[in-house]
Amino acid sequence: MATIPEEETCLTRVALYVSCKNLLKKDITSKSDPLVVFNVHNGCYWVEHQRTEWIKNTSCPEFVTPIVIDFYFEKIQKVKLSVYDIDNDTETLSDDDFLGEIETTLAKIVAAESYTDHLKIPPHKVSQGTIHIRAEEMSDSRTNKILALKFKGQNLDKMDIFSKSDPYLEICKLTSDSTYLKIHRTEIIKNTLNPDWNLFLISVDTLCNGDYERSLQINCYDYDNNGSHDFIGSFATTLADMLGAKDNPISYDCINPKKQAKKNTYKNSGRIILQSVNIINDHSFLDYIIGGCQINLAIGIDFTISNKVATNPKSLHYTGPNGKNQYLDAIKAVGNVCADYDFDKLIPVFGFGAEIPPKNKVSHAFPINFNATNPNVEGIEGVIAAYKNCISKIQFYFPTNFAPIINHIASFAANAAEDGTASNYFILLLLTDGAITDTDKTKQALVKASKLPMSVIIVGIGDADFTAMKDLDCDHGVLKSSSGECALRDIVQFVSYKKFLQAPSDVLAQHVLSEIPRQLRQHYLLSDMEPMVRH
């Protein structure tokens, strides 16, 4: 006789692709900048499960970030999708415009080939716009394979009057109802007819559900700030076809059907070249950590005069009777988490923006233990002791330059990368009280560092204007140097400490370190580097 298992068994995992049409226009000079928040009901209250990406200036967004969730046939899984017009870079949604929401069940979404509903503003008001959700079953026999794809464009059509085009690609896969579903969007390359897009990763399951002959369509658009992006052209292919680029690049005609129909002499609207394709094994963050990858923390501390001298009670470096300040609190919160992954517990700590003994010359990357040959201190307690000793021996000065410290730690990461193993990953924690003065050099340093096993966390101390820092944290775009070179991946996370003044220290740590697993995994996958095996 068959027995009923006592524990719930997940029937399958599904990926939900979300799009909206005719959203409310909340901005005066442009359309909305929408994002969708997916919530699940735990029996008592709503809990945020995941968010889509944020798309700027559109009333009809098609999100390429799928909502991934386990589906249980035997359970009523209540879900809520809320749409917001994002007005700033903060994580909180209370300061963004609410555009409407729907409440339904996961079963209804899965049962429908394409689920559609009108957005509502509670309690009963119907909002403008509709939301559309397509569910794709994620195969039980997942391939556990990741594709690394590299495209470039050649002689694309000029779509702008006063400049060239600003091209980007969208990859779509054919669905069961013979429509194409968008699953990936590249970065935008400004003002060029010959774009060279970054290498990117996409799972074989996401691309084609493991069906190498599944039809794919790749569309090329010219980005416009007003949201009305111009179609340049497209081509059809399959994964089986693209794998031919493992040996030699493949060139595709980028075809615009309307132009083709009007001109007998029309050949193409340029060419899209698949420069390389590589299938690599998928590995998790824990695979690398368990294999022996060491997390190496390095710290950079702002000692510029804008902090005010440490003996001034209004100084951000003033410790007072309790021996605490925001700099020390941030160091403890982040450092104590990273220390668990660091085998030797040795932390290089540098200061910047101060005159240092014995010659009182300004330095933007000096070891706070004043030992140029060995800037390491032992553990977080060692960092605190060195910091307090350093404060009494330096003169706060200016300007606020980040590039020297970033380049210095990048040299450590470059040396570690030379052994060709996933053995060492570096996290640079930068603590600062104000806007940087070497923005172009900092961007160049970060673009260079994006190719290395390295991440940068910037914590803003005090009440200064940190707009420039947010520009470095490109969660919704690609960081570019002044020369136009794009970062290979996003390696920067910025937070303002004042938002966490009343929160437990572990909340700050969770926030600033949340992107590290993804960034580490992405680096090693892009480098086609397997986790090590402990012996």
Protein backbone atom coordinates (compact mmCIF):
# COMPACT_ATOMS: atom_id res chain seq x y z
CA MET A 1 0.00 0.00 0.00
CA ALA A 2 1.33 3.42 -0.97
CA THR A 3 2.16 5.75 1.88
CA ILE A 4 1.68 9.49 1.91
CA PRO A 5 4.91 11.36 2.64
CA GLU A 6 4.72 13.53 5.71
CA GLU A 7 6.85 16.29 4.24
CA GLU A 8 5.80 18.56 1.40
CA THR A 9 7.35 17.68 -1.92
CA CYS A 10 7.93 20.44 -4.43
CA LEU A 11 6.11 19.51 -7.63
CA THR A 12 8.29 21.72 -9.77
CA ARG A 13 10.12 25.02 -9.92
CA VAL A 14 8.73 27.67 -12.23
CA ALA A 15 10.10 30.85 -13.73
CA LEU A 16 7.58 33.69 -14.08
CA TYR A 17 8.22 36.30 -16.76
CA VAL A 18 6.38 39.55 -16.14
CA SER A 19 5.39 42.40 -18.44
CA CYS A 20 3.01 45.35 -18.12
CA LYS A 21 1.06 47.55 -20.50
CA ASN A 22 -0.24 51.11 -20.26
CA LEU A 23 1.11 51.85 -16.79
CA LEU A 24 0.23 55.09 -15.04
CA LYS A 25 2.50 58.03 -15.87
CA LYS A 26 3.68 59.45 -12.56
CA ASP A 27 6.65 61.49 -13.78
CA ILE A 28 6.07 64.97 -15.23
CA THR A 29 8.67 64.98 -17.98
CA SER A 30 8.87 61.27 -18.77
CA LYS A 31 7.10 57.95 -18.47
CA SER A 32 7.38 55.79 -15.36
CA ASP A 33 10.47 53.81 -14.36
CA PRO A 34 8.78 50.54 -13.33
CA LEU A 35 9.84 47.62 -11.19
CA VAL A 36 7.71 44.68 -9.98
CA VAL A 37 7.86 43.27 -6.46
CA PHE A 38 6.69 39.67 -6.07
CA ASN A 39 5.27 38.81 -2.62
CA VAL A 40 4.09 35.52 -1.15
CA HIS A 41 1.64 35.05 1.74
CA ASN A 42 3.01 32.92 4.57
CA GLY A 43 -0.39 32.41 6.23
CA CYS A 44 -0.10 35.52 8.39
CA TYR A 45 1.30 38.33 6.25
CA TRP A 46 2.92 39.17 2.91
CA VAL A 47 6.64 38.51 2.51
CA GLU A 48 8.75 39.88 -0.33
CA HIS A 49 10.12 37.01 -2.42
CA GLN A 50 11.90 38.72 -5.30
CA ARG A 51 12.05 41.81 -7.51
CA THR A 52 12.44 42.24 -11.23
CA GLU A 53 14.99 44.60 -12.70
CA TRP A 54 14.18 48.30 -12.95
CA ILE A 55 13.41 49.61 -16.46
CA LYS A 56 13.57 53.33 -17.10
CA ASN A 57 11.09 55.51 -18.95
CA THR A 58 8.44 53.10 -20.23
CA SER A 59 4.75 52.44 -19.77
CA CYS A 60 5.02 48.96 -21.29
CA PRO A 61 7.96 47.20 -19.61
CA GLU A 62 9.01 43.65 -20.49
CA PHE A 63 11.14 42.37 -17.63
CA VAL A 64 13.84 39.82 -18.42
CA THR A 65 14.59 38.88 -14.80
CA PRO A 66 12.31 35.92 -14.06
CA ILE A 67 10.63 35.34 -10.71
CA VAL A 68 11.76 31.86 -9.67
CA ILE A 69 9.56 30.01 -7.17
CA ASP A 70 8.69 26.46 -6.11
CA PHE A 71 5.18 25.39 -7.14
CA TYR A 72 3.18 22.92 -5.02
CA PHE A 73 0.09 21.36 -6.54
CA GLU A 74 -1.42 20.55 -3.14
CA LYS A 75 -1.08 24.06 -1.67
CA ILE A 76 -2.92 27.32 -2.24
CA GLN A 77 -0.02 29.68 -2.77
CA LYS A 78 -1.26 33.26 -2.53
CA VAL A 79 0.93 35.74 -4.38
CA LYS A 80 0.87 39.48 -4.91
CA LEU A 81 2.62 41.46 -7.63
CA SER A 82 3.09 45.16 -6.90
CA VAL A 83 4.29 47.65 -9.51
CA TYR A 84 6.27 50.76 -8.51
CA ASP A 85 7.65 53.76 -10.36
CA ILE A 86 11.18 53.97 -8.95
CA ASP A 87 12.34 57.52 -8.19
CA ASN A 88 15.74 56.89 -6.56
CA ASP A 89 18.39 54.27 -5.81
CA THR A 90 17.22 53.33 -2.30
CA GLU A 91 16.04 49.82 -1.52
CA THR A 92 12.94 51.06 0.31
CA LEU A 93 9.76 51.50 -1.72
CA SER A 94 8.02 53.97 0.60
CA ASP A 95 9.51 56.92 -1.29
CA ASP A 96 8.53 55.56 -4.74
CA ASP A 97 5.23 55.88 -6.60
CA PHE A 98 2.84 52.94 -6.32
CA LEU A 99 1.28 52.07 -9.70
CA GLY A 100 -0.99 49.20 -8.68
CA GLU A 101 -1.00 45.52 -7.80
CA ILE A 102 -2.78 42.22 -8.24
CA GLU A 103 -3.45 39.37 -5.84
CA THR A 104 -3.90 35.87 -7.19
CA THR A 105 -2.65 32.32 -6.67
CA LEU A 106 0.36 30.67 -8.20
CA ALA A 107 -1.90 27.89 -9.48
CA LYS A 108 -3.93 30.35 -11.56
CA ILE A 109 -0.77 31.74 -13.11
CA VAL A 110 0.63 28.30 -13.89
CA ALA A 111 -2.67 27.01 -15.27
CA ALA A 112 -2.99 29.89 -17.73
CA GLU A 113 -0.83 29.92 -20.82
CA SER A 114 -0.47 33.65 -20.32
CA TYR A 115 -2.04 35.18 -17.21
CA THR A 116 -3.41 38.73 -17.49
CA ASP A 117 -5.07 40.96 -14.91
CA HIS A 118 -5.88 44.64 -14.37
CA LEU A 119 -3.78 46.43 -11.82
CA LYS A 120 -5.66 47.71 -8.78
CA ILE A 121 -4.97 50.24 -6.06
CA PRO A 122 -6.45 48.93 -2.79
CA PRO A 123 -8.99 48.73 -1.45
CA HIS A 124 -11.12 48.59 -4.62
CA LYS A 125 -9.90 51.24 -7.03
CA VAL A 126 -8.89 49.97 -10.47
CA SER A 127 -5.60 51.44 -11.61
CA GLN A 128 -4.51 52.10 -15.16
CA GLY A 129 -2.64 49.31 -16.85
CA THR A 130 -2.47 45.54 -17.01
CA ILE A 131 0.05 42.97 -15.89
CA HIS A 132 0.93 39.84 -17.87
CA ILE A 133 2.67 36.76 -16.51
CA ARG A 134 3.97 33.74 -18.35
CA ALA A 135 5.05 30.68 -16.39
CA GLU A 136 7.85 28.47 -17.69
CA GLU A 137 8.52 25.15 -15.99
CA MET A 138 12.14 24.70 -15.06
CA SER A 139 13.13 21.23 -16.13
CA ASP A 140 13.55 18.52 -13.48
CA SER A 141 16.62 17.37 -15.35
CA ARG A 142 18.42 20.71 -15.21
CA THR A 143 21.48 20.81 -17.43
CA ASN A 144 23.57 22.60 -14.78
CA LYS A 145 25.30 24.33 -17.67
CA ILE A 146 26.01 28.02 -18.18
CA LEU A 147 26.64 29.73 -21.50
CA ALA A 148 29.21 32.50 -21.84
CA LEU A 149 28.30 34.56 -24.92
CA LYS A 150 30.14 37.47 -26.54
CA PHE A 151 28.56 39.58 -29.31
CA LYS A 152 29.62 42.63 -31.28
CA GLY A 153 27.92 44.67 -34.00
CA GLN A 154 29.31 45.76 -37.33
CA ASN A 155 28.13 48.65 -39.51
CA LEU A 156 24.72 48.94 -37.87
CA ASP A 157 22.21 51.45 -39.24
CA LYS A 158 22.51 55.03 -37.99
CA MET A 159 19.22 55.76 -36.22
CA ASP A 160 19.86 59.14 -34.53
CA ILE A 161 20.00 62.50 -36.32
CA PHE A 162 22.80 64.17 -34.40
CA SER A 163 24.77 61.08 -33.41
CA LYS A 164 25.23 57.44 -34.24
CA SER A 165 23.10 54.71 -32.68
CA ASP A 166 23.08 53.57 -29.03
CA PRO A 167 22.66 49.82 -29.64
CA TYR A 168 21.71 47.00 -27.33
CA LEU A 169 20.54 43.40 -27.84
CA GLU A 170 17.51 41.51 -26.55
CA ILE A 171 17.49 37.73 -26.64
CA CYS A 172 14.10 36.00 -26.95
CA LYS A 173 13.06 32.34 -27.01
CA LEU A 174 10.08 30.76 -28.76
CA THR A 175 7.24 29.72 -26.46
CA SER A 176 4.53 27.07 -26.83
CA ASP A 177 2.06 29.59 -28.28
CA SER A 178 4.54 30.65 -30.99
CA THR A 179 5.39 33.99 -29.41
CA TYR A 180 8.83 35.13 -28.35
CA LEU A 181 9.67 35.71 -24.70
CA LYS A 182 12.43 38.14 -23.74
CA ILE A 183 14.99 36.50 -21.47
CA HIS A 184 18.09 38.71 -21.61
CA ARG A 185 19.04 42.30 -22.35
CA THR A 186 22.62 43.46 -22.89
CA GLU A 187 24.09 46.77 -21.80
CA ILE A 188 23.70 49.84 -24.02
CA ILE A 189 26.77 51.02 -25.96
CA LYS A 190 26.50 54.75 -26.63
CA ASN A 191 27.09 56.49 -29.95
CA THR A 192 28.52 53.74 -32.13
CA LEU A 193 27.66 51.67 -35.17
CA ASN A 194 30.18 49.02 -34.17
CA PRO A 195 29.29 48.08 -30.58
CA ASP A 196 31.34 45.56 -28.65
CA TRP A 197 29.10 44.13 -25.92
CA ASN A 198 30.44 42.58 -22.74
CA LEU A 199 30.68 38.84 -22.33
CA PHE A 200 27.62 37.68 -20.38
CA LEU A 201 26.36 34.52 -18.71
CA ILE A 202 23.01 32.82 -19.19
CA SER A 203 21.96 29.32 -18.18
CA VAL A 204 21.13 26.78 -20.87
CA ASP A 205 17.79 26.18 -19.11
CA THR A 206 16.87 29.86 -19.27
CA LEU A 207 17.94 30.16 -22.89
CA CYS A 208 16.23 27.14 -24.34
CA ASN A 209 15.04 24.80 -21.54
CA GLY A 210 17.75 22.37 -22.59
CA ASP A 211 16.38 22.14 -26.17
CA TYR A 212 19.35 23.06 -28.36
CA GLU A 213 17.08 23.32 -31.43
CA ARG A 214 14.61 25.72 -29.81
CA SER A 215 14.17 28.83 -31.93
CA LEU A 216 15.81 31.99 -30.62
CA GLN A 217 15.40 35.53 -31.88
CA ILE A 218 17.96 38.24 -31.21
CA ASN A 219 16.76 41.81 -31.67
CA CYS A 220 18.95 44.88 -31.92
CA TYR A 221 17.60 48.27 -30.81
CA ASP A 222 18.81 51.86 -30.68
CA TYR A 223 18.21 53.13 -27.15
CA ASP A 224 16.35 56.44 -26.78
CA ASN A 225 16.01 58.34 -23.50
CA ASN A 226 12.29 58.86 -24.11
CA GLY A 227 11.68 55.12 -24.05
CA SER A 228 10.71 54.80 -27.73
CA HIS A 229 13.65 52.63 -28.70
CA ASP A 230 14.21 52.24 -32.45
CA PHE A 231 14.27 48.75 -33.95
CA ILE A 232 17.46 48.25 -35.95
CA GLY A 233 17.03 44.62 -36.96
CA SER A 234 17.00 41.00 -35.84
CA PHE A 235 18.03 37.48 -36.72
CA ALA A 236 16.94 33.95 -35.80
CA THR A 237 19.19 31.20 -34.53
CA THR A 238 19.37 28.22 -32.16
CA LEU A 239 21.81 27.18 -29.48
CA ALA A 240 22.92 24.32 -31.72
CA ASP A 241 23.75 26.84 -34.43
CA MET A 242 25.52 29.25 -32.05
CA LEU A 243 27.77 26.50 -30.71
CA GLY A 244 29.55 26.70 -34.05
CA ALA A 245 31.24 29.84 -32.71
CA LYS A 246 33.31 27.65 -30.39
CA ASP A 247 35.69 27.25 -33.33
CA ASN A 248 35.17 30.45 -35.32
CA PRO A 249 33.03 33.59 -34.94
CA ILE A 250 29.61 33.48 -36.62
CA SER A 251 28.27 36.51 -38.48
CA TYR A 252 24.49 37.09 -38.74
CA ASP A 253 22.68 39.52 -41.02
CA CYS A 254 20.70 41.96 -38.89
CA ILE A 255 17.46 42.30 -40.87
CA ASN A 256 14.79 45.00 -40.61
CA PRO A 257 11.74 43.53 -42.44
CA LYS A 258 10.18 46.96 -43.15
CA LYS A 259 13.33 48.26 -44.81
CA GLN A 260 13.75 44.96 -46.64
CA ALA A 261 10.24 45.23 -48.08
CA LYS A 262 10.81 48.80 -49.33
CA LYS A 263 14.17 48.32 -51.07
CA ASN A 264 15.10 45.70 -53.62
CA THR A 265 18.75 46.53 -53.03
CA TYR A 266 18.50 46.10 -49.25
CA LYS A 267 21.06 43.70 -47.82
CA ASN A 268 20.96 44.20 -44.09
CA SER A 269 20.99 46.81 -41.32
CA GLY A 270 24.43 45.69 -40.26
CA ARG A 271 25.78 42.47 -38.90
CA ILE A 272 25.78 40.90 -35.46
CA ILE A 273 28.83 38.75 -34.81
CA LEU A 274 28.89 36.03 -32.18
CA GLN A 275 32.55 36.23 -31.27
CA SER A 276 32.65 33.38 -28.80
CA VAL A 277 30.45 30.84 -27.04
CA ASN A 278 31.49 28.58 -24.25
CA ILE A 279 29.52 26.05 -22.18
CA ILE A 280 30.73 25.89 -18.62
CA ASN A 281 29.62 24.01 -15.53
CA ASP A 282 27.40 25.96 -13.15
CA HIS A 283 28.70 26.31 -9.61
CA SER A 284 27.30 28.02 -6.53
CA PHE A 285 29.02 30.42 -4.15
CA LEU A 286 29.23 27.62 -1.59
CA ASP A 287 30.91 25.33 -4.12
CA TYR A 288 33.79 27.81 -4.28
CA ILE A 289 33.92 28.40 -0.53
CA ILE A 290 33.79 24.69 0.31
CA GLY A 291 36.49 24.13 -2.31
CA GLY A 292 38.80 26.41 -0.33
CA CYS A 293 38.32 29.90 -1.81
CA GLN A 294 39.48 32.41 0.81
CA ILE A 295 37.74 35.76 1.26
CA ASN A 296 40.39 38.44 1.84
CA LEU A 297 39.16 41.65 3.45
CA ALA A 298 41.03 44.93 2.91
CA ILE A 299 39.98 48.27 4.39
CA GLY A 300 40.40 51.88 3.25
CA ILE A 301 39.63 54.72 5.69
CA ASP A 302 38.97 58.37 4.84
CA PHE A 303 41.11 60.76 6.91
CA THR A 304 40.33 63.96 4.97
CA ILE A 305 39.81 67.23 6.83
CA SER A 306 36.07 67.27 6.05
CA ASN A 307 35.76 64.64 8.81
CA LYS A 308 37.04 67.28 11.28
CA VAL A 309 39.99 66.50 13.54
CA ALA A 310 39.46 63.50 15.78
CA THR A 311 39.66 65.50 19.01
CA ASN A 312 36.63 67.57 17.97
CA PRO A 313 33.44 66.05 19.46
CA LYS A 314 31.73 66.85 16.13
CA SER A 315 34.30 64.83 14.20
CA LEU A 316 33.19 61.61 12.53
CA HIS A 317 36.41 60.10 13.90
CA TYR A 318 35.75 61.22 17.47
CA THR A 319 35.48 58.20 19.75
CA GLY A 320 34.58 59.79 23.07
CA PRO A 321 34.13 57.95 26.37
CA ASN A 322 32.44 54.91 24.80
CA GLY A 323 35.28 54.41 22.31
CA LYS A 324 32.89 54.17 19.37
CA ASN A 325 32.16 56.03 16.13
CA GLN A 326 30.51 55.25 12.79
CA TYR A 327 33.80 54.25 11.17
CA LEU A 328 34.51 51.68 13.87
CA ASP A 329 30.93 50.40 13.88
CA ALA A 330 31.02 49.79 10.12
CA ILE A 331 34.42 48.07 10.34
CA LYS A 332 33.14 45.73 13.06
CA ALA A 333 29.85 44.94 11.29
CA VAL A 334 31.40 44.01 7.94
CA GLY A 335 34.72 42.71 9.23
CA ASN A 336 33.29 40.21 11.68
CA VAL A 337 31.31 38.49 8.89
CA CYS A 338 34.22 38.40 6.42
CA ALA A 339 36.62 37.15 9.09
CA ASP A 340 34.89 33.75 9.18
CA TYR A 341 35.92 33.13 5.56
CA ASP A 342 39.48 34.42 5.98
CA PHE A 343 41.92 31.67 6.96
CA ASP A 344 44.84 33.78 8.20
CA LYS A 345 42.77 36.68 9.66
CA LEU A 346 45.37 39.15 8.35
CA ILE A 347 43.77 42.37 7.09
CA PRO A 348 45.64 45.07 5.12
CA VAL A 349 44.32 48.49 6.22
CA PHE A 350 45.06 51.75 4.42
CA GLY A 351 44.22 55.38 5.02
CA PHE A 352 43.86 58.19 2.51
CA GLY A 353 43.68 61.98 2.46
CA ALA A 354 46.11 62.70 5.31
CA GLU A 355 49.62 63.97 5.96
CA ILE A 356 51.66 61.16 7.45
CA PRO A 357 54.88 61.09 9.48
CA PRO A 358 57.76 61.53 9.43
CA LYS A 359 57.78 64.03 6.52
CA ASN A 360 54.10 65.00 6.75
CA LYS A 361 53.49 64.31 3.07
CA VAL A 362 49.93 63.78 1.82
CA SER A 363 49.19 60.15 1.01
CA HIS A 364 46.17 58.47 -0.54
CA ALA A 365 47.16 54.89 0.26
CA PHE A 366 49.22 54.62 3.42
CA PRO A 367 49.21 51.60 5.79
CA ILE A 368 47.67 52.74 9.06
CA ASN A 369 50.23 50.64 10.96
CA PHE A 370 52.92 52.68 9.08
CA ASN A 371 54.61 49.48 7.93
CA ALA A 372 54.97 49.81 4.17
CA THR A 373 56.33 46.28 3.74
CA ASN A 374 53.59 44.63 5.82
CA PRO A 375 50.30 46.60 6.01
CA ASN A 376 48.48 43.63 7.59
CA VAL A 377 46.99 43.68 11.06
CA GLU A 378 45.56 40.66 12.85
CA GLY A 379 41.79 40.45 13.03
CA ILE A 380 39.21 43.16 13.64
CA GLU A 381 40.66 43.93 17.08
CA GLY A 382 43.98 44.57 15.38
CA VAL A 383 42.27 46.93 12.92
CA ILE A 384 40.70 48.90 15.77
CA ALA A 385 43.97 49.17 17.68
CA ALA A 386 45.89 50.31 14.59
CA TYR A 387 43.13 52.82 13.74
CA LYS A 388 43.23 54.43 17.21
CA ASN A 389 47.02 54.61 17.15
CA CYS A 390 47.03 56.11 13.63
CA ILE A 391 44.52 58.86 14.50
CA SER A 392 46.95 60.47 16.94
CA LYS A 393 49.88 60.55 14.49
CA ILE A 394 48.44 61.96 11.27
CA GLN A 395 47.15 65.33 10.09
CA PHE A 396 43.80 65.26 8.30
CA TYR A 397 44.08 66.83 4.85
CA PHE A 398 42.54 66.50 1.36
CA PRO A 399 41.45 65.60 -1.34
CA THR A 400 39.26 62.46 -1.31
CA ASN A 401 40.88 60.11 -3.83
CA PHE A 402 39.75 56.50 -4.16
CA ALA A 403 41.75 55.32 -7.18
CA PRO A 404 45.12 54.76 -5.40
CA ILE A 405 43.67 52.34 -2.84
CA ILE A 406 41.48 50.56 -5.41
CA ASN A 407 44.50 50.08 -7.68
CA HIS A 408 46.62 48.90 -4.75
CA ILE A 409 44.16 46.18 -3.71
CA ALA A 410 43.61 45.34 -7.38
CA SER A 411 47.33 44.54 -7.60
CA PHE A 412 46.84 41.99 -4.79
CA ALA A 413 43.90 40.47 -6.69
CA ALA A 414 45.87 40.40 -9.95
CA ASN A 415 48.73 38.55 -8.27
CA ALA A 416 46.30 36.03 -6.77
CA ALA A 417 44.64 35.49 -10.16
CA GLU A 418 47.93 34.50 -11.76
CA ASP A 419 47.81 31.01 -10.22
CA GLY A 420 44.73 30.21 -12.32
CA THR A 421 42.70 28.82 -9.41
CA ALA A 422 39.63 30.00 -7.49
CA SER A 423 41.70 30.35 -4.34
CA ASN A 424 41.47 34.01 -3.30
CA TYR A 425 38.78 36.67 -3.62
CA PHE A 426 39.25 40.21 -2.30
CA ILE A 427 36.73 42.58 -0.72
CA LEU A 428 37.77 46.21 -0.34
CA LEU A 429 35.74 48.05 2.29
CA LEU A 430 36.00 51.81 1.65
CA LEU A 431 34.75 54.14 4.39
CA THR A 432 34.31 57.79 3.42
CA ASP A 433 32.53 60.94 4.54
CA GLY A 434 32.06 62.72 1.21
CA ALA A 435 32.16 63.01 -2.54
CA ILE A 436 35.25 61.75 -4.34
CA THR A 437 37.50 64.16 -6.22
CA ASP A 438 39.10 61.70 -8.65
CA THR A 439 35.90 60.37 -10.22
CA ASP A 440 37.34 59.57 -13.67
CA LYS A 441 40.38 57.77 -12.25
CA THR A 442 38.15 55.87 -9.81
CA LYS A 443 35.86 54.70 -12.60
CA GLN A 444 38.88 53.59 -14.62
CA ALA A 445 40.24 51.70 -11.60
CA LEU A 446 36.88 49.98 -11.01
CA VAL A 447 36.51 49.00 -14.69
CA LYS A 448 39.97 47.43 -14.51
CA ALA A 449 39.16 45.73 -11.20
CA SER A 450 35.93 44.26 -12.64
CA LYS A 451 38.08 41.71 -14.48
CA LEU A 452 39.75 40.58 -11.24
CA PRO A 453 38.63 38.47 -8.24
CA MET A 454 37.54 41.55 -6.31
CA SER A 455 34.53 43.49 -4.99
CA VAL A 456 34.32 46.99 -3.52
CA ILE A 457 31.97 48.01 -0.71
CA ILE A 458 31.62 51.75 -0.09
CA VAL A 459 30.05 52.89 3.17
CA GLY A 460 29.15 56.58 3.36
CA ILE A 461 29.75 58.01 6.84
CA GLY A 462 27.91 61.15 7.99
CA ASP A 463 25.41 63.39 6.21
CA ALA A 464 27.30 64.37 3.04
CA ASP A 465 25.97 64.21 -0.53
CA PHE A 466 26.81 60.71 -1.75
CA THR A 467 25.34 61.03 -5.26
CA ALA A 468 28.70 60.27 -6.88
CA MET A 469 28.93 57.03 -4.90
CA LYS A 470 25.56 55.87 -6.22
CA ASP A 471 26.87 56.45 -9.75
CA LEU A 472 29.62 53.92 -9.02
CA ASP A 473 27.11 51.32 -7.79
CA CYS A 474 25.57 50.43 -11.13
CA ASP A 475 22.83 48.03 -10.06
CA HIS A 476 20.67 49.18 -12.97
CA GLY A 477 23.27 49.82 -15.63
CA VAL A 478 26.92 49.38 -16.57
CA LEU A 479 29.78 51.38 -15.13
CA LYS A 480 31.90 53.02 -17.83
CA SER A 481 35.25 54.75 -17.69
CA SER A 482 35.73 58.22 -19.18
CA SER A 483 37.13 56.50 -22.29
CA GLY A 484 33.88 54.53 -22.71
CA GLU A 485 35.23 51.15 -21.58
CA CYS A 486 32.54 49.10 -19.81
CA ALA A 487 33.02 47.19 -16.59
CA LEU A 488 32.91 43.45 -17.17
CA ARG A 489 30.61 43.04 -14.15
CA ASP A 490 29.14 45.07 -11.31
CA ILE A 491 31.58 44.93 -8.38
CA VAL A 492 30.47 47.95 -6.31
CA GLN A 493 27.95 48.13 -3.49
CA PHE A 494 27.26 51.50 -1.83
CA VAL A 495 25.29 52.16 1.35
CA SER A 496 24.83 55.24 3.50
CA TYR A 497 25.56 54.36 7.12
CA LYS A 498 23.05 56.84 8.55
CA LYS A 499 20.20 54.61 7.31
CA PHE A 500 21.42 51.92 9.71
CA LEU A 501 22.16 54.03 12.79
CA GLN A 502 19.22 52.59 14.70
CA ALA A 503 19.51 49.06 13.29
CA PRO A 504 21.48 46.13 14.75
CA SER A 505 24.98 45.82 13.32
CA ASP A 506 24.15 42.58 11.53
CA VAL A 507 21.53 44.40 9.42
CA LEU A 508 24.25 46.65 7.93
CA ALA A 509 26.45 43.61 7.29
CA GLN A 510 23.63 41.74 5.56
CA HIS A 511 22.91 44.72 3.32
CA VAL A 512 26.45 45.51 2.22
CA LEU A 513 27.53 41.89 1.81
CA SER A 514 24.39 40.61 0.07
CA GLU A 515 25.85 40.96 -3.43
CA ILE A 516 29.21 39.34 -2.68
CA PRO A 517 28.13 35.70 -3.36
CA ARG A 518 26.76 36.67 -6.78
CA GLN A 519 29.80 38.79 -7.65
CA LEU A 520 32.26 36.07 -6.62
CA ARG A 521 30.39 33.37 -8.51
CA GLN A 522 30.06 35.59 -11.59
CA HIS A 523 33.80 36.32 -11.67
CA TYR A 524 34.81 32.68 -11.55
CA LEU A 525 32.17 31.59 -14.06
CA LEU A 526 33.22 34.34 -16.49
CA SER A 527 36.81 33.18 -16.01
CA ASP A 528 35.70 29.56 -16.65
CA MET A 529 37.28 28.59 -13.35
CA GLU A 530 36.14 25.51 -11.45
CA PRO A 531 36.01 25.37 -7.64
CA MET A 532 39.11 23.87 -6.08
CA VAL A 533 39.01 20.43 -4.52
CA ARG A 534 40.25 20.12 -0.94
CA HIS A 535 42.74 17.34 -0.31
